[in-house]
Amino acid sequence: GPGSLGEQTERARSMVAISETET
């Protein structure tokens, strides 16, 4: 959820997933 540590992790995973997809 917003402001939680899990939120940062989810965003990090999302960016990684996008990078892998675009690769």
PDB file of N, CA and C in Angstrom:
ATOM      1  N   GLY A   1       0.820  -1.208   0.000  1.00  0.00           N
ATOM      2  CA  GLY A   1       0.000   0.000   0.000  1.00  0.00           C
ATOM      3  C   GLY A   1       0.848   1.251   0.000  1.00  0.00           C
ATOM      4  N   PRO A   2       0.267   2.429  -0.224  1.00  0.00           N
ATOM      5  CA  PRO A   2       1.019   3.686  -0.273  1.00  0.00           C
ATOM      6  C   PRO A   2       1.752   3.965   1.030  1.00  0.00           C
ATOM      7  N   GLY A   3       3.011   4.344   0.908  1.00  0.00           N
ATOM      8  CA  GLY A   3       3.789   4.682   2.099  1.00  0.00           C
ATOM      9  C   GLY A   3       4.382   3.467   2.791  1.00  0.00           C
ATOM     10  N   SER A   4       4.081   2.277   2.290  1.00  0.00           N
ATOM     11  CA  SER A   4       4.613   1.069   2.923  1.00  0.00           C
ATOM     12  C   SER A   4       5.860   0.596   2.205  1.00  0.00           C
ATOM     13  N   LEU A   5       6.665  -0.200   2.892  1.00  0.00           N
ATOM     14  CA  LEU A   5       7.885  -0.725   2.288  1.00  0.00           C
ATOM     15  C   LEU A   5       7.531  -1.604   1.099  1.00  0.00           C
ATOM     16  N   GLY A   6       6.428  -2.338   1.195  1.00  0.00           N
ATOM     17  CA  GLY A   6       5.998  -3.213   0.107  1.00  0.00           C
ATOM     18  C   GLY A   6       5.732  -2.411  -1.162  1.00  0.00           C
ATOM     19  N   GLU A   7       5.234  -1.195  -1.001  1.00  0.00           N
ATOM     20  CA  GLU A   7       4.946  -0.350  -2.166  1.00  0.00           C
ATOM     21  C   GLU A   7       6.224  -0.091  -2.953  1.00  0.00           C
ATOM     22  N   GLN A   8       7.303   0.223  -2.248  1.00  0.00           N
ATOM     23  CA  GLN A   8       8.582   0.483  -2.926  1.00  0.00           C
ATOM     24  C   GLN A   8       9.056  -0.777  -3.637  1.00  0.00           C
ATOM     25  N   THR A   9       8.872  -1.917  -2.999  1.00  0.00           N
ATOM     26  CA  THR A   9       9.302  -3.189  -3.600  1.00  0.00           C
ATOM     27  C   THR A   9       8.504  -3.460  -4.854  1.00  0.00           C
ATOM     28  N   GLU A  10       7.186  -3.223  -4.780  1.00  0.00           N
ATOM     29  CA  GLU A  10       6.327  -3.468  -5.936  1.00  0.00           C
ATOM     30  C   GLU A  10       6.741  -2.574  -7.099  1.00  0.00           C
ATOM     31  N   ARG A  11       7.036  -1.313  -6.804  1.00  0.00           N
ATOM     32  CA  ARG A  11       7.434  -0.394  -7.877  1.00  0.00           C
ATOM     33  C   ARG A  11       8.764  -0.836  -8.482  1.00  0.00           C
ATOM     34  N   ALA A  12       9.695  -1.249  -7.614  1.00  0.00           N
ATOM     35  CA  ALA A  12      11.001  -1.699  -8.098  1.00  0.00           C
ATOM     36  C   ALA A  12      10.817  -2.894  -9.026  1.00  0.00           C
ATOM     37  N   ARG A  13       9.984  -3.838  -8.625  1.00  0.00           N
ATOM     38  CA  ARG A  13       9.746  -5.026  -9.461  1.00  0.00           C
ATOM     39  C   ARG A  13       9.101  -4.626 -10.773  1.00  0.00           C
ATOM     40  N   SER A  14       8.193  -3.653 -10.723  1.00  0.00           N
ATOM     41  CA  SER A  14       7.513  -3.211 -11.941  1.00  0.00           C
ATOM     42  C   SER A  14       8.525  -2.637 -12.926  1.00  0.00           C
ATOM     43  N   MET A  15       9.423  -1.796 -12.433  1.00  0.00           N
ATOM     44  CA  MET A  15      10.424  -1.189 -13.315  1.00  0.00           C
ATOM     45  C   MET A  15      11.331  -2.262 -13.897  1.00  0.00           C
ATOM     46  N   VAL A  16      11.701  -3.233 -13.086  1.00  0.00           N
ATOM     47  CA  VAL A  16      12.563  -4.316 -13.561  1.00  0.00           C
ATOM     48  C   VAL A  16      11.834  -5.107 -14.635  1.00  0.00           C
ATOM     49  N   ALA A  17      10.566  -5.396 -14.400  1.00  0.00           N
ATOM     50  CA  ALA A  17       9.780  -6.165 -15.356  1.00  0.00           C
ATOM     51  C   ALA A  17       9.692  -5.416 -16.679  1.00  0.00           C
ATOM     52  N   ILE A  18       9.470  -4.106 -16.625  1.00  0.00           N
ATOM     53  CA  ILE A  18       9.386  -3.297 -17.839  1.00  0.00           C
ATOM     54  C   ILE A  18      10.716  -3.329 -18.579  1.00  0.00           C
ATOM     55  N   SER A  19      11.797  -3.202 -17.833  1.00  0.00           N
ATOM     56  CA  SER A  19      13.129  -3.214 -18.456  1.00  0.00           C
ATOM     57  C   SER A  19      13.365  -4.548 -19.154  1.00  0.00           C
ATOM     58  N   GLU A  20      13.003  -5.639 -18.489  1.00  0.00           N
ATOM     59  CA  GLU A  20      13.216  -6.964 -19.075  1.00  0.00           C
ATOM     60  C   GLU A  20      12.360  -7.132 -20.322  1.00  0.00           C
ATOM     61  N   THR A  21      11.134  -6.596 -20.279  1.00  0.00           N
ATOM     62  CA  THR A  21      10.231  -6.727 -21.425  1.00  0.00           C
ATOM     63  C   THR A  21      10.766  -5.933 -22.611  1.00  0.00           C
ATOM     64  N   GLU A  22      11.293  -4.755 -22.342  1.00  0.00           N
ATOM     65  CA  GLU A  22      11.786  -3.904 -23.429  1.00  0.00           C
ATOM     66  C   GLU A  22      13.114  -4.399 -23.982  1.00  0.00           C
ATOM     67  N   THR A  23      13.817  -5.183 -23.190  1.00  0.00           N
ATOM     68  CA  THR A  23      15.127  -5.665 -23.627  1.00  0.00           C
ATOM     69  C   THR A  23      14.983  -6.488 -24.893  1.00  0.00           C
TER      70      THR A  23
END
